[in-house]
C-alpha atoms as a PDB file:
ATOM      1  CA  MET A   1      -0.708  -1.870  17.532  1.00  0.00           C
ATOM      2  CA  TYR A   2      -4.123  -0.313  17.530  1.00  0.00           C
ATOM      3  CA  ARG A   3      -5.700   1.006  14.314  1.00  0.00           C
ATOM      4  CA  ARG A   4      -3.960   4.381  14.359  1.00  0.00           C
ATOM      5  CA  GLY A   5      -0.554   2.756  14.800  1.00  0.00           C
ATOM      6  CA  HIS A   6      -1.252   0.269  12.003  1.00  0.00           C
ATOM      7  CA  VAL A   7      -2.227   3.110   9.659  1.00  0.00           C
ATOM      8  CA  GLY A   8       1.027   4.922  10.449  1.00  0.00           C
ATOM      9  CA  ILE A   9       3.142   1.818   9.842  1.00  0.00           C
ATOM     10  CA  THR A  10       1.297   1.193   6.570  1.00  0.00           C
ATOM     11  CA  LEU A  11       1.970   4.773   5.462  1.00  0.00           C
ATOM     12  CA  LEU A  12       5.660   4.337   6.334  1.00  0.00           C
ATOM     13  CA  GLY A  13       5.719   1.114   4.347  1.00  0.00           C
ATOM     14  CA  ILE A  14       4.168   2.508   1.171  1.00  0.00           C
ATOM     15  CA  ALA A  15       6.003   5.853   1.204  1.00  0.00           C
ATOM     16  CA  PRO A  16       9.120   4.510  -0.602  1.00  0.00           C
ATOM     17  CA  VAL A  17       6.923   2.719  -3.162  1.00  0.00           C
ATOM     18  CA  LEU A  18       4.994   5.918  -3.859  1.00  0.00           C
ATOM     19  CA  TYR A  19       8.281   7.807  -4.152  1.00  0.00           C
ATOM     20  CA  ALA A  20       9.472   5.369  -6.811  1.00  0.00           C
ATOM     21  CA  LEU A  21       6.211   5.271  -8.780  1.00  0.00           C
ATOM     22  CA  LEU A  22       4.603   8.711  -8.567  1.00  0.00           C
ATOM     23  CA  PRO A  23       6.703  10.638 -11.088  1.00  0.00           C
ATOM     24  CA  ASP A  24       6.387   8.183 -13.985  1.00  0.00           C
ATOM     25  CA  ARG A  25       3.640   5.689 -13.139  1.00  0.00           C
ATOM     26  CA  PRO A  26       0.870   7.533 -11.274  1.00  0.00           C
ATOM     27  CA  PHE A  27      -1.790   4.894 -12.021  1.00  0.00           C
ATOM     28  CA  LEU A  28       0.367   2.180 -10.430  1.00  0.00           C
ATOM     29  CA  ALA A  29       1.038   4.468  -7.466  1.00  0.00           C
ATOM     30  CA  LEU A  30      -2.719   4.852  -7.037  1.00  0.00           C
ATOM     31  CA  LEU A  31      -3.192   1.074  -7.089  1.00  0.00           C
ATOM     32  CA  THR A  32      -0.677   0.592  -4.266  1.00  0.00           C
ATOM     33  CA  LEU A  33      -3.137   2.386  -1.988  1.00  0.00           C
ATOM     34  CA  GLY A  34      -5.075  -0.886  -2.074  1.00  0.00           C
ATOM     35  CA  VAL A  35      -2.900  -1.970   0.849  1.00  0.00           C
ATOM     36  CA  PHE A  36      -5.282   0.061   3.029  1.00  0.00           C
ATOM     37  CA  VAL A  37      -8.059  -2.339   2.055  1.00  0.00           C
ATOM     38  CA  ILE A  38      -5.927  -5.425   2.734  1.00  0.00           C
ATOM     39  CA  GLU A  39      -3.965  -4.357   5.824  1.00  0.00           C
ATOM     40  CA  PRO A  40      -6.846  -4.590   8.365  1.00  0.00           C
ATOM     41  CA  LEU A  41      -7.933  -8.078   7.194  1.00  0.00           C
ATOM     42  CA  PRO A  42      -5.893 -10.093   9.755  1.00  0.00           C
ATOM     43  CA  ASP A  43      -7.822  -8.425  12.588  1.00  0.00           C
ATOM     44  CA  TYR A  44     -11.109  -9.714  11.208  1.00  0.00           C
ATOM     45  CA  ASP A  45     -10.306 -12.747  13.366  1.00  0.00           C
ATOM     46  CA  HIS A  46     -11.949 -10.705  16.161  1.00  0.00           C
ATOM     47  CA  ARG A  47     -15.249 -11.058  14.317  1.00  0.00           C
ATOM     48  CA  THR A  48     -14.929 -14.727  13.407  1.00  0.00           C
ATOM     49  CA  GLU A  49     -15.725 -17.325  16.052  1.00  0.00           C
ATOM     50  CA  TRP A  50     -13.581 -20.077  14.525  1.00  0.00           C
ATOM     51  CA  LEU A  51     -10.417 -17.942  14.311  1.00  0.00           C
ATOM     52  CA  GLU A  52      -8.255 -17.127  17.327  1.00  0.00           C
ATOM     53  CA  HIS A  53      -6.758 -13.639  17.426  1.00  0.00           C
ATOM     54  CA  ARG A  54      -3.158 -13.374  16.207  1.00  0.00           C
ATOM     55  CA  LYS A  55      -3.002 -16.985  15.107  1.00  0.00           C
ATOM     56  CA  THR A  56      -3.097 -18.196  11.488  1.00  0.00           C
ATOM     57  CA  SER A  57      -4.644 -14.929  10.293  1.00  0.00           C
ATOM     58  CA  HIS A  58      -1.388 -13.258  11.402  1.00  0.00           C
ATOM     59  CA  SER A  59       0.975 -15.572   9.517  1.00  0.00           C
ATOM     60  CA  LEU A  60       3.164 -15.616   6.438  1.00  0.00           C
ATOM     61  CA  LEU A  61       0.871 -18.282   5.013  1.00  0.00           C
ATOM     62  CA  THR A  62      -2.041 -15.842   5.097  1.00  0.00           C
ATOM     63  CA  ALA A  63       0.132 -13.182   3.438  1.00  0.00           C
ATOM     64  CA  GLY A  64       0.925 -15.634   0.645  1.00  0.00           C
ATOM     65  CA  VAL A  65      -2.677 -16.759   0.165  1.00  0.00           C
ATOM     66  CA  ILE A  66      -4.065 -13.220   0.056  1.00  0.00           C
ATOM     67  CA  GLY A  67      -1.239 -12.161  -2.244  1.00  0.00           C
ATOM     68  CA  GLY A  68      -2.108 -15.048  -4.584  1.00  0.00           C
ATOM     69  CA  VAL A  69      -5.805 -14.167  -4.625  1.00  0.00           C
ATOM     70  CA  CYS A  70      -5.012 -10.499  -5.343  1.00  0.00           C
ATOM     71  CA  ALA A  71      -2.573 -11.509  -8.099  1.00  0.00           C
ATOM     72  CA  CYS A  72      -5.344 -13.519  -9.785  1.00  0.00           C
ATOM     73  CA  LEU A  73      -7.713 -10.546  -9.470  1.00  0.00           C
ATOM     74  CA  GLY A  74      -5.048  -8.265 -10.965  1.00  0.00           C
ATOM     75  CA  TRP A  75      -4.581 -10.639 -13.900  1.00  0.00           C
ATOM     76  CA  ALA A  76      -8.345 -10.669 -14.523  1.00  0.00           C
ATOM     77  CA  VAL A  77      -8.637  -6.869 -14.323  1.00  0.00           C
ATOM     78  CA  GLY A  78      -5.729  -6.439 -16.758  1.00  0.00           C
ATOM     79  CA  SER A  79      -7.151  -8.970 -19.180  1.00  0.00           C
ATOM     80  CA  TYR A  80     -10.790  -7.922 -19.154  1.00  0.00           C
ATOM     81  CA  LEU A  81     -10.855  -4.284 -18.075  1.00  0.00           C
ATOM     82  CA  THR A  82      -7.822  -2.000 -18.348  1.00  0.00           C
ATOM     83  CA  VAL A  83      -6.402  -3.210 -21.670  1.00  0.00           C
ATOM     84  CA  PRO A  84      -9.797  -3.353 -23.446  1.00  0.00           C
ATOM     85  CA  VAL A  85     -10.692   0.112 -22.113  1.00  0.00           C
ATOM     86  CA  ALA A  86      -7.277   1.422 -23.231  1.00  0.00           C
ATOM     87  CA  ASP A  87      -7.877  -0.009 -26.707  1.00  0.00           C
ATOM     88  CA  GLN A  88     -11.299   1.664 -26.856  1.00  0.00           C
ATOM     89  CA  LEU A  89      -9.818   4.999 -25.765  1.00  0.00           C
ATOM     90  CA  ALA A  90      -7.031   4.719 -28.330  1.00  0.00           C
ATOM     91  CA  SER A  91      -9.577   4.101 -31.072  1.00  0.00           C
ATOM     92  CA  VAL A  92     -11.437   7.347 -30.351  1.00  0.00           C
ATOM     93  CA  VAL A  93      -8.443   9.632 -29.768  1.00  0.00           C
ATOM     94  CA  VAL A  94      -8.405  12.493 -32.224  1.00  0.00           C
ATOM     95  CA  SER A  95      -5.431  14.604 -33.167  1.00  0.00           C
ATOM     96  CA  GLY A  96      -4.518  17.007 -30.399  1.00  0.00           C
ATOM     97  CA  ASP A  97      -6.457  15.208 -27.653  1.00  0.00           C
ATOM     98  CA  THR A  98      -3.437  14.698 -25.426  1.00  0.00           C
ATOM     99  CA  PHE A  99      -5.333  13.762 -22.269  1.00  0.00           C
ATOM    100  CA  LEU A 100      -7.168  10.840 -23.889  1.00  0.00           C
ATOM    101  CA  ALA A 101      -3.972   9.699 -25.596  1.00  0.00           C
ATOM    102  CA  TRP A 102      -2.086   9.891 -22.287  1.00  0.00           C
ATOM    103  CA  SER A 103      -4.866   7.972 -20.495  1.00  0.00           C
ATOM    104  CA  ALA A 104      -4.949   5.278 -23.181  1.00  0.00           C
ATOM    105  CA  THR A 105      -1.177   4.816 -22.965  1.00  0.00           C
ATOM    106  CA  ARG A 106      -1.178   4.644 -19.166  1.00  0.00           C
ATOM    107  CA  LEU A 107      -4.115   2.229 -19.023  1.00  0.00           C
ATOM    108  CA  GLY A 108      -2.594   0.076 -21.746  1.00  0.00           C
ATOM    109  CA  ALA A 109       0.514  -0.322 -19.591  1.00  0.00           C
ATOM    110  CA  LEU A 110      -1.670  -1.883 -16.870  1.00  0.00           C
ATOM    111  CA  ASP A 111      -1.773  -5.240 -18.615  1.00  0.00           C
ATOM    112  CA  ALA A 112      -2.465  -8.613 -17.009  1.00  0.00           C
ATOM    113  CA  PRO A 113       1.149  -9.474 -15.999  1.00  0.00           C
ATOM    114  CA  THR A 114       1.729  -5.998 -14.550  1.00  0.00           C
ATOM    115  CA  LEU A 115      -1.487  -6.006 -12.541  1.00  0.00           C
ATOM    116  CA  ALA A 116      -0.844  -9.563 -11.358  1.00  0.00           C
ATOM    117  CA  VAL A 117       2.479  -8.430  -9.882  1.00  0.00           C
ATOM    118  CA  VAL A 118       0.891  -5.305  -8.389  1.00  0.00           C
ATOM    119  CA  GLY A 119      -2.029  -7.322  -7.001  1.00  0.00           C
ATOM    120  CA  GLY A 120       0.314  -9.863  -5.442  1.00  0.00           C
ATOM    121  CA  GLY A 121       2.420  -7.102  -3.932  1.00  0.00           C
ATOM    122  CA  VAL A 122      -0.582  -5.219  -2.583  1.00  0.00           C
ATOM    123  CA  GLY A 123      -2.183  -8.381  -1.159  1.00  0.00           C
ATOM    124  CA  SER A 124       0.847  -9.865   0.525  1.00  0.00           C
ATOM    125  CA  GLY A 125       2.299  -6.443   1.363  1.00  0.00           C
ATOM    126  CA  GLY A 126      -0.875  -5.345   3.113  1.00  0.00           C
ATOM    127  CA  VAL A 127      -0.815  -8.386   5.391  1.00  0.00           C
ATOM    128  CA  LEU A 128       2.941  -8.082   5.989  1.00  0.00           C
ATOM    129  CA  LEU A 129       2.553  -4.436   6.992  1.00  0.00           C
ATOM    130  CA  HIS A 130      -0.116  -5.481   9.490  1.00  0.00           C
ATOM    131  CA  LEU A 131       2.201  -8.164  10.868  1.00  0.00           C
ATOM    132  CA  ALA A 132       4.965  -5.565  11.189  1.00  0.00           C
ATOM    133  CA  GLY A 133       2.714  -3.572  13.506  1.00  0.00           C
ATOM    134  CA  ASP A 134       1.998  -6.593  15.700  1.00  0.00           C
ATOM    135  CA  ILE A 135       5.441  -8.189  15.799  1.00  0.00           C
ATOM    136  CA  ILE A 136       6.833  -5.086  17.518  1.00  0.00           C
ATOM    137  CA  THR A 137       4.441  -5.527  20.455  1.00  0.00           C
ATOM    138  CA  ILE A 138       5.000  -7.613  23.577  1.00  0.00           C
ATOM    139  CA  SER A 139       2.365 -10.146  22.484  1.00  0.00           C
ATOM    140  CA  GLY A 140       4.113 -10.711  19.172  1.00  0.00           C
ATOM    141  CA  ILE A 141       2.862 -13.079  16.483  1.00  0.00           C
ATOM    142  CA  GLN A 142       3.372 -16.674  15.339  1.00  0.00           C
ATOM    143  CA  PRO A 143       4.349 -15.990  11.714  1.00  0.00           C
ATOM    144  CA  LEU A 144       5.063 -19.596  10.762  1.00  0.00           C
ATOM    145  CA  LEU A 145       1.670 -21.039  11.705  1.00  0.00           C
ATOM    146  CA  PRO A 146       0.401 -23.662  11.050  1.00  0.00           C
ATOM    147  CA  PHE A 147       3.885 -25.176  10.588  1.00  0.00           C
ATOM    148  CA  SER A 148       5.461 -23.802  13.768  1.00  0.00           C
ATOM    149  CA  LYS A 149       3.990 -22.310  16.954  1.00  0.00           C
ATOM    150  CA  ARG A 150       7.084 -20.244  17.688  1.00  0.00           C
ATOM    151  CA  ARG A 151       6.058 -16.770  18.842  1.00  0.00           C
ATOM    152  CA  ILE A 152       8.196 -13.793  17.854  1.00  0.00           C
ATOM    153  CA  SER A 153       8.116 -10.432  19.611  1.00  0.00           C
ATOM    154  CA  LEU A 154      10.627  -7.705  18.813  1.00  0.00           C
ATOM    155  CA  SER A 155       9.951  -5.410  21.774  1.00  0.00           C
ATOM    156  CA  SER A 156       8.171  -5.035  25.097  1.00  0.00           C
ATOM    157  CA  LEU A 157       5.807  -2.421  23.671  1.00  0.00           C
ATOM    158  CA  TYR A 158       2.124  -2.858  24.474  1.00  0.00           C
ATOM    159  CA  ALA A 159      -0.333  -2.617  21.566  1.00  0.00           C
ATOM    160  CA  LYS A 160      -2.402  -0.070  23.497  1.00  0.00           C
ATOM    161  CA  ASN A 161       0.577   2.244  24.053  1.00  0.00           C
ATOM    162  CA  LYS A 162      -0.907   5.610  23.074  1.00  0.00           C
ATOM    163  CA  ALA A 163       2.405   7.361  22.486  1.00  0.00           C
ATOM    164  CA  ALA A 164       3.587   4.618  20.123  1.00  0.00           C
ATOM    165  CA  ASN A 165       0.317   4.544  18.185  1.00  0.00           C
ATOM    166  CA  VAL A 166       0.198   8.321  17.785  1.00  0.00           C
ATOM    167  CA  GLY A 167       3.936   8.431  17.049  1.00  0.00           C
ATOM    168  CA  PHE A 168       3.707   5.907  14.217  1.00  0.00           C
ATOM    169  CA  PHE A 169       0.597   7.651  12.876  1.00  0.00           C
ATOM    170  CA  LEU A 170       2.364  11.029  12.729  1.00  0.00           C
ATOM    171  CA  LEU A 171       5.569   9.539  11.288  1.00  0.00           C
ATOM    172  CA  GLY A 172       3.552   7.841   8.568  1.00  0.00           C
ATOM    173  CA  TRP A 173       1.821  11.041   7.526  1.00  0.00           C
ATOM    174  CA  LEU A 174       5.137  12.913   7.675  1.00  0.00           C
ATOM    175  CA  ALA A 175       6.642  10.336   5.298  1.00  0.00           C
ATOM    176  CA  ILE A 176       3.733  10.785   2.868  1.00  0.00           C
ATOM    177  CA  LEU A 177       4.082  14.581   3.075  1.00  0.00           C
ATOM    178  CA  VAL A 178       7.795  14.330   2.263  1.00  0.00           C
ATOM    179  CA  VAL A 179       7.060  12.030  -0.702  1.00  0.00           C
ATOM    180  CA  SER A 180       4.352  14.419  -1.929  1.00  0.00           C
ATOM    181  CA  LEU A 181       6.707  17.376  -1.739  1.00  0.00           C
ATOM    182  CA  ALA A 182       9.447  15.453  -3.520  1.00  0.00           C
ATOM    183  CA  THR A 183       7.411  13.982  -6.381  1.00  0.00           C
ATOM    184  CA  THR A 184       4.404  16.148  -7.216  1.00  0.00           C
ATOM    185  CA  PRO A 185       3.781  19.621  -8.656  1.00  0.00           C
ATOM    186  CA  LEU A 186       2.762  20.659  -5.134  1.00  0.00           C
ATOM    187  CA  GLY A 187       6.374  20.160  -4.100  1.00  0.00           C
ATOM    188  CA  ASP A 188       7.597  22.299  -7.006  1.00  0.00           C
ATOM    189  CA  ALA A 189       5.227  25.083  -5.922  1.00  0.00           C
ATOM    190  CA  VAL A 190       6.340  24.870  -2.287  1.00  0.00           C
ATOM    191  CA  ARG A 191      10.016  24.991  -3.307  1.00  0.00           C
ATOM    192  CA  THR A 192       9.359  27.970  -5.561  1.00  0.00           C
ATOM    193  CA  VAL A 193       7.535  29.899  -2.835  1.00  0.00           C
ATOM    194  CA  GLY A 194      10.172  28.899  -0.288  1.00  0.00           C
ATOM    195  CA  GLY A 195      12.911  30.124  -2.603  1.00  0.00           C
ATOM    196  CA  LEU A 196      11.162  33.458  -3.059  1.00  0.00           C
ATOM    197  CA  VAL A 197      10.688  33.874   0.705  1.00  0.00           C
ATOM    198  CA  PHE A 198      14.286  33.029   1.593  1.00  0.00           C
ATOM    199  CA  THR A 199      15.873  35.089  -1.167  1.00  0.00           C
ATOM    200  CA  GLY A 200      13.644  38.067  -0.426  1.00  0.00           C
ATOM    201  CA  ALA A 201      12.480  38.251  -4.036  1.00  0.00           C
END
């Protein structure tokens, strides 16, 4: 896929995660958007002379390595940033300051083990979502490199296919719109207005 198609597939991939997290864990939902930083990384092989396109950079090994690095970063952020900041916020919360209390509680929940899991998921998930966009093209990928050179392609679709790229892009944004309407106050407002319109109130 080209960039637009990859973005759409990434949106489709994170939509169920956002649906699960948004109502109760909005900070974690926000962190999952980090996949948009990770997802394009495999295509940096275009800019690196010693890497061939769609080779090791497009493998499960790379997904595991990047997931491991991001897990370590998540552990460090939880240990040295979010929990200490949450403790500082909690120490200055005064009676009736619900926003600071809420923020301290939410940040405190982003401890090292939690952020390590999120980091690992974002890192490996971002690469896997990129691979999903390439494995459905006619060129396919070699996901088991460097251990196996077997190429896997799930369709005869060309990466430059404009209809497919635009189609995935629109589907991805539609999925995010549906999640937004289902899990946020915006959705409540839309349902309320829709109810008033259809009932004639």
